[in-house]
């Protein structure tokens, strides 16, 4: 059908342009603007760490992994240690139980396809 190299290049360019146009018309199904806000809290009773994840979208608070970090030095300095992890229950509650560890801690929920990420304030835990 297309025998010359020029004809093949023109045909390939036309196909690429038409395919790219289709991608632009369809677009992604979920954009960052579609993600629901999330809020994670952290509290302590002694060395028991617990908290709550809230969101207007129920799937953003139910069975959501919560990562607890022990702050080393200045927060966000790159040396904070992943300390514990729990998954929220149907109400958005989570708990690490008694860690036996004092220090400064904060909780994090990561971004998902439907939910925004969040970081709690840092709390100080005493034994």
Protein backbone atom coordinates (compact mmCIF):
# COMPACT_ATOMS: atom_id res chain seq x y z
CA UNK A 1 0.00 0.00 0.00
CA UNK A 2 2.66 2.58 1.08
CA UNK A 3 5.84 1.70 -0.75
CA UNK A 4 8.00 4.77 -0.41
CA UNK A 5 9.66 5.72 2.90
CA UNK A 6 8.08 9.18 2.70
CA UNK A 7 4.59 7.70 2.34
CA UNK A 8 5.18 5.41 5.33
CA UNK A 9 6.39 8.34 7.48
CA UNK A 10 3.37 10.45 6.52
CA UNK A 11 1.01 7.57 7.32
CA UNK A 12 2.75 6.91 10.67
CA UNK A 13 2.55 10.61 11.57
CA UNK A 14 -1.15 10.72 10.74
CA UNK A 15 -1.84 7.67 12.90
CA UNK A 16 0.19 9.09 15.80
CA UNK A 17 -1.63 12.42 15.62
CA UNK A 18 -5.07 10.82 15.48
CA UNK A 19 -4.26 8.51 18.40
CA UNK A 20 -2.87 11.38 20.47
CA UNK A 21 -6.00 13.39 19.80
CA UNK A 22 -8.13 10.53 21.08
CA UNK A 23 -6.11 10.39 24.29
CA UNK A 24 -6.60 14.12 24.80
CA UNK A 25 -10.36 13.80 24.28
CA UNK A 26 -10.73 10.86 26.66
CA UNK A 27 -8.25 12.00 29.33
CA UNK A 28 -7.59 10.34 32.67
CA UNK A 29 -10.53 9.08 34.71
CA UNK A 30 -9.44 10.58 38.04
CA UNK A 31 -7.42 13.74 38.35
CA UNK A 32 -5.89 15.34 41.43
CA UNK A 33 -8.94 17.61 41.62
CA UNK A 34 -11.16 14.56 42.11
CA UNK A 35 -9.29 13.30 45.18
CA UNK A 36 -11.12 13.73 48.47
CA UNK A 37 -9.41 15.48 51.36
CA UNK A 38 -8.16 13.35 54.25
CA UNK A 39 -7.22 14.31 57.79
CA UNK A 40 -5.16 12.08 60.08
CA UNK A 41 -4.80 12.68 63.82
CA UNK A 42 -2.48 11.19 66.42
CA UNK A 43 -2.85 11.10 70.20
CA UNK A 44 -1.21 9.24 73.07
CA UNK A 45 -2.14 7.83 76.45
CA UNK A 46 1.17 6.97 78.01
CA UNK A 47 2.99 5.23 75.17
CA UNK A 48 -0.19 3.99 73.44
CA UNK A 49 -0.48 5.75 70.07
CA UNK A 50 -3.86 6.07 68.37
CA UNK A 51 -5.81 8.38 66.11
CA UNK A 52 -8.43 8.85 63.46
CA UNK A 53 -8.66 9.38 59.70
CA UNK A 54 -11.57 11.50 58.50
CA UNK A 55 -12.69 12.31 54.98
CA UNK A 56 -15.90 13.24 53.18
CA UNK A 57 -15.37 10.05 51.11
CA UNK A 58 -15.93 6.95 53.25
CA UNK A 59 -13.46 4.86 51.23
CA UNK A 60 -10.73 7.33 52.26
CA UNK A 61 -11.12 6.56 55.96
CA UNK A 62 -12.04 2.85 55.91
CA UNK A 63 -9.15 0.30 55.82
CA UNK A 64 -6.59 3.05 55.19
CA UNK A 65 -2.95 2.34 56.08
CA UNK A 66 -1.60 4.80 58.66
CA UNK A 67 2.18 5.10 59.03
CA UNK A 68 3.63 6.42 62.29
CA UNK A 69 7.04 8.10 62.21
CA UNK A 70 9.40 8.86 65.07
CA UNK A 71 10.78 12.34 64.55
CA UNK A 72 14.56 12.56 64.74
CA UNK A 73 15.81 16.14 64.89
CA UNK A 74 13.86 18.63 62.79
CA UNK A 75 10.70 17.28 61.22
CA UNK A 76 11.07 16.52 57.55
CA UNK A 77 14.84 16.53 57.79
CA UNK A 78 15.03 13.17 56.05
CA UNK A 79 16.12 11.24 59.12
CA UNK A 80 12.70 10.47 60.63
CA UNK A 81 12.19 6.75 61.27
CA UNK A 82 9.20 4.68 60.18
CA UNK A 83 8.09 3.43 63.58
CA UNK A 84 4.77 1.60 63.24
CA UNK A 85 1.84 1.01 60.93
CA UNK A 86 -1.83 0.20 61.42
CA UNK A 87 -4.90 0.03 59.20
CA UNK A 88 -8.03 2.01 60.09
CA UNK A 89 -11.27 0.28 61.00
CA UNK A 90 -14.62 1.08 59.36
CA UNK A 91 -14.94 4.26 61.46
CA UNK A 92 -11.44 5.52 60.57
CA UNK A 93 -9.90 4.69 63.96
CA UNK A 94 -6.39 3.26 64.26
CA UNK A 95 -4.07 2.26 67.12
CA UNK A 96 -0.55 0.91 67.49
CA UNK A 97 -1.16 -0.30 71.03
CA UNK A 98 1.45 0.17 73.74
CA UNK A 99 4.76 0.91 72.03
CA UNK A 100 6.73 1.46 75.25
CA UNK A 101 8.65 4.22 73.49
CA UNK A 102 8.86 7.91 74.37
CA UNK A 103 9.70 10.60 71.84
CA UNK A 104 8.15 12.77 69.14
CA UNK A 105 5.76 11.10 66.70
CA UNK A 106 3.51 11.98 63.78
CA UNK A 107 1.15 10.01 61.54
CA UNK A 108 0.87 9.95 57.77
CA UNK A 109 -1.69 8.67 55.27
CA UNK A 110 -0.43 8.37 51.71
CA UNK A 111 -2.20 9.61 48.61
CA UNK A 112 -4.34 7.11 46.71
CA UNK A 113 -6.20 7.32 43.42
CA UNK A 114 -9.25 8.72 45.26
CA UNK A 115 -7.79 10.28 48.43
CA UNK A 116 -5.37 13.09 49.25
CA UNK A 117 -2.42 12.53 51.58
CA UNK A 118 -2.12 14.09 55.02
CA UNK A 119 0.33 14.45 57.89
CA UNK A 120 -0.67 14.95 61.52
CA UNK A 121 0.99 17.46 63.81
CA UNK A 122 3.89 16.08 65.85
CA UNK A 123 3.11 14.99 69.41
CA UNK A 124 5.50 14.34 72.30
CA UNK A 125 5.06 11.03 74.12
CA UNK A 126 6.31 10.55 77.69
CA UNK A 127 6.74 7.27 79.54
